[in-house]
N, C-alpha and C. Protein backbone atom coordinates (compact mmCIF):
# COMPACT_ATOMS: atom_id res chain seq x y z
N MET A 1 8.06 -12.02 -1.90
CA MET A 1 7.33 -10.85 -2.37
C MET A 1 8.34 -9.77 -2.75
N HIS A 2 8.15 -9.21 -3.89
CA HIS A 2 8.98 -8.10 -4.36
C HIS A 2 8.10 -6.87 -4.49
N LEU A 3 8.50 -5.80 -3.85
CA LEU A 3 7.76 -4.55 -3.94
C LEU A 3 8.36 -3.72 -5.07
N SER A 4 7.55 -3.44 -6.08
CA SER A 4 8.02 -2.65 -7.21
C SER A 4 7.92 -1.16 -6.88
N SER A 5 8.34 -0.32 -7.82
CA SER A 5 8.21 1.13 -7.62
C SER A 5 6.73 1.51 -7.46
N LYS A 6 5.86 0.76 -8.10
CA LYS A 6 4.43 1.00 -7.98
C LYS A 6 4.00 0.90 -6.51
N GLY A 7 4.41 -0.16 -5.85
CA GLY A 7 4.08 -0.34 -4.44
C GLY A 7 4.76 0.69 -3.55
N GLU A 8 6.04 0.92 -3.81
CA GLU A 8 6.79 1.87 -3.00
C GLU A 8 6.21 3.28 -3.12
N TYR A 9 5.98 3.74 -4.34
CA TYR A 9 5.43 5.08 -4.54
C TYR A 9 4.01 5.18 -3.99
N GLY A 10 3.23 4.13 -4.14
CA GLY A 10 1.86 4.13 -3.63
C GLY A 10 1.84 4.25 -2.12
N ILE A 11 2.74 3.54 -1.45
CA ILE A 11 2.82 3.63 0.01
C ILE A 11 3.26 5.04 0.42
N ARG A 12 4.24 5.60 -0.30
CA ARG A 12 4.68 6.98 -0.01
C ARG A 12 3.51 7.96 -0.12
N ALA A 13 2.73 7.81 -1.18
CA ALA A 13 1.57 8.71 -1.39
C ALA A 13 0.57 8.56 -0.26
N MET A 14 0.32 7.32 0.15
CA MET A 14 -0.64 7.08 1.24
C MET A 14 -0.11 7.66 2.55
N LEU A 15 1.19 7.61 2.76
CA LEU A 15 1.77 8.22 3.96
C LEU A 15 1.62 9.74 3.94
N GLU A 16 1.78 10.34 2.78
CA GLU A 16 1.58 11.78 2.67
C GLU A 16 0.14 12.14 2.99
N LEU A 17 -0.81 11.36 2.47
CA LEU A 17 -2.22 11.62 2.77
C LEU A 17 -2.51 11.40 4.25
N THR A 18 -1.81 10.46 4.86
CA THR A 18 -1.98 10.21 6.29
C THR A 18 -1.47 11.40 7.09
N GLN A 19 -0.30 11.92 6.72
CA GLN A 19 0.26 13.07 7.43
C GLN A 19 -0.64 14.30 7.31
N ARG A 20 -1.43 14.36 6.25
CA ARG A 20 -2.31 15.51 6.01
C ARG A 20 -3.77 15.22 6.32
N GLN A 21 -4.02 14.10 6.99
CA GLN A 21 -5.39 13.73 7.33
C GLN A 21 -6.03 14.84 8.16
N GLY A 22 -7.25 15.17 7.80
CA GLY A 22 -7.97 16.23 8.51
C GLY A 22 -7.78 17.60 7.88
N GLN A 23 -6.94 17.71 6.85
CA GLN A 23 -6.68 18.99 6.20
C GLN A 23 -7.44 19.14 4.89
N GLY A 24 -8.31 18.19 4.60
CA GLY A 24 -9.07 18.24 3.36
C GLY A 24 -8.34 17.55 2.23
N PHE A 25 -8.78 17.85 1.00
CA PHE A 25 -8.21 17.22 -0.18
C PHE A 25 -6.82 17.78 -0.46
N VAL A 26 -5.92 16.89 -0.87
CA VAL A 26 -4.53 17.26 -1.17
C VAL A 26 -4.30 17.10 -2.67
N GLN A 27 -3.74 18.12 -3.29
CA GLN A 27 -3.47 18.10 -4.73
C GLN A 27 -2.37 17.07 -5.05
N SER A 28 -2.51 16.44 -6.19
CA SER A 28 -1.51 15.46 -6.66
C SER A 28 -0.11 16.08 -6.73
N SER A 29 -0.04 17.30 -7.20
CA SER A 29 1.26 17.96 -7.35
C SER A 29 1.97 18.11 -6.00
N GLU A 30 1.21 18.35 -4.94
CA GLU A 30 1.81 18.48 -3.60
C GLU A 30 2.33 17.13 -3.12
N ILE A 31 1.54 16.07 -3.34
CA ILE A 31 1.96 14.73 -2.94
C ILE A 31 3.24 14.36 -3.71
N ALA A 32 3.23 14.59 -5.01
CA ALA A 32 4.37 14.26 -5.86
C ALA A 32 5.63 14.99 -5.41
N GLN A 33 5.49 16.26 -5.10
CA GLN A 33 6.64 17.05 -4.69
C GLN A 33 7.18 16.59 -3.33
N GLN A 34 6.30 16.42 -2.36
CA GLN A 34 6.71 16.04 -1.02
C GLN A 34 7.32 14.65 -0.95
N ARG A 35 6.82 13.73 -1.78
CA ARG A 35 7.26 12.34 -1.71
C ARG A 35 8.14 11.91 -2.88
N GLN A 36 8.53 12.89 -3.71
CA GLN A 36 9.43 12.64 -4.84
C GLN A 36 8.92 11.49 -5.72
N ILE A 37 7.68 11.66 -6.18
CA ILE A 37 7.04 10.69 -7.06
C ILE A 37 6.73 11.40 -8.38
N PRO A 38 7.07 10.80 -9.50
CA PRO A 38 6.71 11.41 -10.78
C PRO A 38 5.18 11.61 -10.84
N GLU A 39 4.76 12.84 -11.14
CA GLU A 39 3.34 13.18 -11.05
C GLU A 39 2.45 12.35 -11.96
N ASN A 40 2.88 12.08 -13.18
CA ASN A 40 2.07 11.26 -14.08
C ASN A 40 1.89 9.85 -13.55
N TYR A 41 2.94 9.30 -12.96
CA TYR A 41 2.89 7.97 -12.37
C TYR A 41 1.98 7.99 -11.15
N LEU A 42 2.10 9.02 -10.34
CA LEU A 42 1.27 9.16 -9.14
C LEU A 42 -0.21 9.18 -9.50
N TYR A 43 -0.54 9.88 -10.56
CA TYR A 43 -1.93 9.96 -11.00
C TYR A 43 -2.51 8.56 -11.22
N GLN A 44 -1.75 7.69 -11.89
CA GLN A 44 -2.20 6.32 -12.15
C GLN A 44 -2.33 5.53 -10.85
N LEU A 45 -1.41 5.72 -9.94
CA LEU A 45 -1.47 5.02 -8.65
C LEU A 45 -2.69 5.44 -7.84
N LEU A 46 -2.99 6.74 -7.87
CA LEU A 46 -4.14 7.24 -7.12
C LEU A 46 -5.45 6.69 -7.69
N ILE A 47 -5.50 6.50 -9.00
CA ILE A 47 -6.69 5.88 -9.61
C ILE A 47 -6.86 4.46 -9.07
N THR A 48 -5.78 3.71 -9.04
CA THR A 48 -5.81 2.34 -8.53
C THR A 48 -6.23 2.31 -7.06
N LEU A 49 -5.67 3.21 -6.27
CA LEU A 49 -6.00 3.27 -4.84
C LEU A 49 -7.45 3.70 -4.62
N ARG A 50 -7.96 4.57 -5.49
CA ARG A 50 -9.36 4.98 -5.40
C ARG A 50 -10.27 3.80 -5.73
N LYS A 51 -9.95 3.07 -6.79
CA LYS A 51 -10.76 1.91 -7.17
C LYS A 51 -10.75 0.83 -6.09
N ALA A 52 -9.68 0.77 -5.31
CA ALA A 52 -9.58 -0.20 -4.21
C ALA A 52 -10.31 0.29 -2.96
N GLY A 53 -10.84 1.52 -3.02
CA GLY A 53 -11.57 2.06 -1.87
C GLY A 53 -10.70 2.62 -0.77
N LEU A 54 -9.44 2.93 -1.08
CA LEU A 54 -8.52 3.44 -0.07
C LEU A 54 -8.39 4.96 -0.10
N VAL A 55 -8.74 5.56 -1.23
CA VAL A 55 -8.60 7.01 -1.43
C VAL A 55 -9.90 7.57 -1.99
N ARG A 56 -10.22 8.78 -1.58
CA ARG A 56 -11.32 9.55 -2.18
C ARG A 56 -10.70 10.66 -3.00
N SER A 57 -11.28 10.91 -4.16
CA SER A 57 -10.75 11.96 -5.04
C SER A 57 -11.86 12.90 -5.45
N ARG A 58 -11.48 14.15 -5.67
CA ARG A 58 -12.43 15.16 -6.15
C ARG A 58 -11.72 16.05 -7.15
N ARG A 59 -12.40 16.33 -8.25
CA ARG A 59 -11.83 17.19 -9.30
C ARG A 59 -12.09 18.65 -8.99
N GLY A 60 -11.35 19.49 -9.69
CA GLY A 60 -11.59 20.93 -9.59
C GLY A 60 -10.56 21.64 -8.76
N PRO A 61 -10.69 22.97 -8.68
CA PRO A 61 -9.70 23.79 -7.98
C PRO A 61 -9.60 23.46 -6.48
N GLN A 62 -10.70 23.02 -5.89
CA GLN A 62 -10.70 22.64 -4.48
C GLN A 62 -10.56 21.13 -4.32
N GLY A 63 -10.23 20.46 -5.41
CA GLY A 63 -10.16 19.01 -5.41
C GLY A 63 -8.82 18.48 -4.96
N GLY A 64 -8.69 17.20 -5.13
CA GLY A 64 -7.46 16.52 -4.72
C GLY A 64 -7.80 15.13 -4.23
N HIS A 65 -7.04 14.67 -3.26
CA HIS A 65 -7.18 13.32 -2.77
C HIS A 65 -7.08 13.31 -1.25
N MET A 66 -7.76 12.33 -0.65
CA MET A 66 -7.67 12.11 0.79
C MET A 66 -7.93 10.64 1.06
N LEU A 67 -7.57 10.20 2.26
CA LEU A 67 -7.85 8.82 2.64
C LEU A 67 -9.35 8.62 2.71
N SER A 68 -9.80 7.43 2.36
CA SER A 68 -11.24 7.14 2.37
C SER A 68 -11.75 6.84 3.78
N ARG A 69 -10.84 6.51 4.67
CA ARG A 69 -11.22 6.23 6.07
C ARG A 69 -10.00 6.51 6.96
N PRO A 70 -10.16 6.49 8.26
CA PRO A 70 -9.04 6.81 9.15
C PRO A 70 -7.82 5.94 8.90
N ALA A 71 -6.66 6.53 9.05
CA ALA A 71 -5.39 5.84 8.79
C ALA A 71 -5.21 4.60 9.65
N GLU A 72 -5.75 4.61 10.85
CA GLU A 72 -5.61 3.43 11.71
C GLU A 72 -6.44 2.24 11.20
N ASP A 73 -7.35 2.52 10.28
CA ASP A 73 -8.20 1.46 9.70
C ASP A 73 -7.73 0.99 8.33
N ILE A 74 -6.58 1.48 7.89
CA ILE A 74 -6.03 1.07 6.59
C ILE A 74 -4.71 0.35 6.85
N SER A 75 -4.64 -0.91 6.42
CA SER A 75 -3.43 -1.70 6.64
C SER A 75 -2.50 -1.63 5.43
N LEU A 76 -1.26 -1.88 5.70
CA LEU A 76 -0.26 -1.95 4.65
C LEU A 76 -0.61 -3.08 3.67
N ALA A 77 -1.22 -4.14 4.17
CA ALA A 77 -1.64 -5.25 3.31
C ALA A 77 -2.62 -4.78 2.24
N GLU A 78 -3.58 -3.96 2.63
CA GLU A 78 -4.57 -3.47 1.67
C GLU A 78 -3.90 -2.69 0.54
N ILE A 79 -2.94 -1.86 0.90
CA ILE A 79 -2.25 -1.03 -0.09
C ILE A 79 -1.41 -1.90 -1.02
N VAL A 80 -0.63 -2.80 -0.45
CA VAL A 80 0.24 -3.66 -1.25
C VAL A 80 -0.58 -4.53 -2.19
N ILE A 81 -1.66 -5.12 -1.70
CA ILE A 81 -2.49 -5.97 -2.54
C ILE A 81 -3.15 -5.16 -3.65
N ALA A 82 -3.61 -3.96 -3.33
CA ALA A 82 -4.24 -3.10 -4.35
C ALA A 82 -3.27 -2.75 -5.47
N LEU A 83 -2.02 -2.49 -5.11
CA LEU A 83 -1.04 -2.03 -6.09
C LEU A 83 -0.22 -3.15 -6.74
N GLU A 84 0.07 -4.18 -5.97
CA GLU A 84 0.98 -5.23 -6.45
C GLU A 84 0.28 -6.55 -6.77
N GLY A 85 -0.92 -6.72 -6.24
CA GLY A 85 -1.60 -8.00 -6.43
C GLY A 85 -1.36 -8.92 -5.25
N PRO A 86 -1.61 -10.21 -5.43
CA PRO A 86 -1.50 -11.16 -4.32
C PRO A 86 -0.12 -11.17 -3.67
N ILE A 87 -0.12 -11.43 -2.38
CA ILE A 87 1.12 -11.46 -1.60
C ILE A 87 1.83 -12.80 -1.74
N GLU A 88 1.09 -13.85 -2.04
CA GLU A 88 1.65 -15.19 -2.11
C GLU A 88 2.80 -15.24 -3.12
N PRO A 89 3.91 -15.91 -2.73
CA PRO A 89 5.08 -15.94 -3.61
C PRO A 89 4.93 -16.84 -4.83
N THR A 90 3.97 -17.75 -4.81
CA THR A 90 3.75 -18.63 -5.96
C THR A 90 2.25 -18.75 -6.23
N VAL A 91 1.92 -19.01 -7.48
CA VAL A 91 0.52 -19.14 -7.89
C VAL A 91 -0.14 -20.34 -7.23
N CYS A 92 0.62 -21.38 -6.95
CA CYS A 92 0.03 -22.62 -6.45
C CYS A 92 -0.64 -22.47 -5.08
N ILE A 93 -0.34 -21.39 -4.36
CA ILE A 93 -0.99 -21.23 -3.05
C ILE A 93 -1.96 -20.05 -3.03
N GLN A 94 -2.15 -19.39 -4.15
CA GLN A 94 -3.09 -18.28 -4.21
C GLN A 94 -4.52 -18.80 -4.12
N GLU A 95 -5.29 -18.18 -3.25
CA GLU A 95 -6.67 -18.57 -3.06
C GLU A 95 -7.48 -18.32 -4.33
N GLY A 96 -8.29 -19.31 -4.69
CA GLY A 96 -9.17 -19.16 -5.84
C GLY A 96 -8.52 -19.44 -7.18
N VAL A 97 -7.23 -19.78 -7.17
CA VAL A 97 -6.53 -20.07 -8.43
C VAL A 97 -6.42 -21.59 -8.56
N VAL A 98 -6.89 -22.10 -9.66
CA VAL A 98 -6.79 -23.54 -9.92
C VAL A 98 -5.46 -23.82 -10.60
N VAL A 99 -4.64 -24.62 -9.95
CA VAL A 99 -3.33 -24.96 -10.49
C VAL A 99 -3.29 -26.48 -10.68
N ASP A 100 -3.03 -26.87 -11.87
CA ASP A 100 -2.97 -28.30 -12.20
C ASP A 100 -1.53 -28.78 -12.12
N CYS A 101 -1.01 -28.83 -10.91
CA CYS A 101 0.39 -29.22 -10.71
C CYS A 101 0.44 -30.70 -10.32
N PRO A 102 1.23 -31.48 -11.04
CA PRO A 102 1.31 -32.90 -10.73
C PRO A 102 1.97 -33.20 -9.38
N PHE A 103 2.65 -32.22 -8.80
CA PHE A 103 3.34 -32.41 -7.52
C PHE A 103 2.58 -31.82 -6.34
N ARG A 104 1.40 -31.32 -6.58
CA ARG A 104 0.62 -30.61 -5.55
C ARG A 104 0.53 -31.37 -4.23
N ASP A 105 0.22 -32.64 -4.27
CA ASP A 105 0.01 -33.41 -3.04
C ASP A 105 1.30 -33.88 -2.38
N ARG A 106 2.40 -33.76 -3.06
CA ARG A 106 3.67 -34.23 -2.49
C ARG A 106 4.77 -33.17 -2.55
N CYS A 107 4.38 -31.94 -2.72
CA CYS A 107 5.35 -30.85 -2.84
C CYS A 107 5.90 -30.45 -1.47
N ALA A 108 7.19 -30.59 -1.31
CA ALA A 108 7.84 -30.22 -0.06
C ALA A 108 7.93 -28.71 0.12
N LEU A 109 7.86 -27.97 -0.98
CA LEU A 109 7.97 -26.51 -0.91
C LEU A 109 6.67 -25.81 -0.54
N ARG A 110 5.55 -26.43 -0.89
CA ARG A 110 4.25 -25.80 -0.67
C ARG A 110 4.06 -25.29 0.77
N PRO A 111 4.36 -26.11 1.80
CA PRO A 111 4.21 -25.60 3.17
C PRO A 111 5.12 -24.40 3.47
N VAL A 112 6.29 -24.37 2.85
CA VAL A 112 7.20 -23.23 3.04
C VAL A 112 6.58 -21.97 2.43
N TRP A 113 6.08 -22.07 1.20
CA TRP A 113 5.44 -20.92 0.54
C TRP A 113 4.23 -20.46 1.35
N GLU A 114 3.47 -21.40 1.88
CA GLU A 114 2.29 -21.03 2.69
C GLU A 114 2.69 -20.28 3.95
N GLU A 115 3.76 -20.74 4.59
CA GLU A 115 4.23 -20.08 5.82
C GLU A 115 4.76 -18.68 5.51
N ILE A 116 5.50 -18.56 4.41
CA ILE A 116 6.00 -17.23 4.01
C ILE A 116 4.83 -16.29 3.75
N ALA A 117 3.84 -16.75 3.00
CA ALA A 117 2.67 -15.92 2.68
C ALA A 117 1.90 -15.54 3.94
N GLU A 118 1.69 -16.51 4.82
CA GLU A 118 0.94 -16.26 6.05
C GLU A 118 1.66 -15.26 6.95
N THR A 119 2.96 -15.43 7.10
CA THR A 119 3.75 -14.52 7.95
C THR A 119 3.78 -13.12 7.35
N THR A 120 4.04 -13.04 6.06
CA THR A 120 4.08 -11.74 5.37
C THR A 120 2.74 -11.03 5.48
N HIS A 121 1.67 -11.76 5.20
CA HIS A 121 0.34 -11.16 5.27
C HIS A 121 0.05 -10.69 6.69
N GLY A 122 0.43 -11.47 7.69
CA GLY A 122 0.20 -11.08 9.09
C GLY A 122 0.90 -9.79 9.45
N ILE A 123 2.13 -9.65 9.03
CA ILE A 123 2.89 -8.42 9.32
C ILE A 123 2.27 -7.22 8.61
N LEU A 124 1.96 -7.38 7.33
CA LEU A 124 1.39 -6.27 6.56
C LEU A 124 -0.01 -5.90 7.08
N GLU A 125 -0.78 -6.90 7.47
CA GLU A 125 -2.14 -6.65 7.97
C GLU A 125 -2.11 -5.94 9.32
N SER A 126 -1.12 -6.25 10.14
CA SER A 126 -1.05 -5.64 11.47
C SER A 126 -0.35 -4.28 11.47
N THR A 127 0.14 -3.85 10.32
CA THR A 127 0.81 -2.56 10.22
C THR A 127 -0.15 -1.55 9.58
N SER A 128 -0.58 -0.58 10.37
CA SER A 128 -1.52 0.42 9.86
C SER A 128 -0.78 1.64 9.33
N LEU A 129 -1.46 2.40 8.49
CA LEU A 129 -0.90 3.66 8.00
C LEU A 129 -0.62 4.61 9.16
N ASP A 130 -1.50 4.60 10.13
CA ASP A 130 -1.33 5.46 11.30
C ASP A 130 -0.02 5.14 12.01
N TYR A 131 0.25 3.86 12.22
CA TYR A 131 1.50 3.42 12.85
C TYR A 131 2.70 3.91 12.05
N LEU A 132 2.66 3.70 10.73
CA LEU A 132 3.78 4.12 9.88
C LEU A 132 3.99 5.63 9.92
N ALA A 133 2.90 6.38 9.89
CA ALA A 133 3.00 7.84 9.92
C ALA A 133 3.59 8.33 11.25
N ARG A 134 3.17 7.71 12.35
CA ARG A 134 3.73 8.10 13.65
C ARG A 134 5.22 7.77 13.71
N ARG A 135 5.58 6.62 13.19
CA ARG A 135 6.98 6.21 13.16
C ARG A 135 7.81 7.15 12.29
N GLU A 136 7.24 7.52 11.14
CA GLU A 136 7.92 8.46 10.25
C GLU A 136 8.14 9.80 10.94
N ALA A 137 7.14 10.29 11.66
CA ALA A 137 7.25 11.57 12.38
C ALA A 137 8.32 11.49 13.46
N GLU A 138 8.37 10.37 14.18
CA GLU A 138 9.39 10.20 15.22
C GLU A 138 10.79 10.20 14.62
N MET A 139 10.93 9.56 13.48
CA MET A 139 12.24 9.51 12.82
C MET A 139 12.66 10.89 12.32
N SER A 140 11.70 11.68 11.88
CA SER A 140 12.00 13.05 11.41
C SER A 140 12.47 13.91 12.57
N VAL A 141 11.84 13.74 13.73
CA VAL A 141 12.23 14.51 14.90
C VAL A 141 13.65 14.13 15.31
N LYS A 142 13.95 12.85 15.29
CA LYS A 142 15.30 12.40 15.67
C LYS A 142 16.38 12.95 14.73
N ARG A 143 16.03 13.09 13.43
CA ARG A 143 16.97 13.64 12.44
C ARG A 143 17.00 15.16 12.48
N GLY A 144 16.03 15.77 13.14
CA GLY A 144 15.96 17.21 13.20
C GLY A 144 15.22 17.84 12.04
N ASP A 145 14.42 17.04 11.30
CA ASP A 145 13.67 17.55 10.15
C ASP A 145 12.43 18.33 10.54
N ALA A 146 11.92 18.08 11.72
CA ALA A 146 10.64 18.67 12.11
C ALA A 146 10.77 20.10 12.53
């Protein structure tokens, strides 16, 4: 799995919304500034995250963005899949994809790809935004940023 800037910036934005949970809607410009994300790019990411049901958005002077549900209920897997697509390293093991591979039944690599996908998905699924935000806060305190 390769995480592109899309995934990296999207996770940063979600962490900013997590840190501001309970403060109402957060303006895109504030997220962009705090997380060093190009604002035009962030706008597109927030649309994708909203369509995935991870973010709520509201227009207007009192508008902005917020998490759609508590941070402890949003996994890193949900964010990565929404922004990057399937976690599986090859198409041949993606669920619901029909692959006409002549080596399918005798492929020595297939079990390896399945194990990689299963392990990766397990780690991402068990990592919540809340956990990441708490870890980020602890690291800031250790560096003296807080």
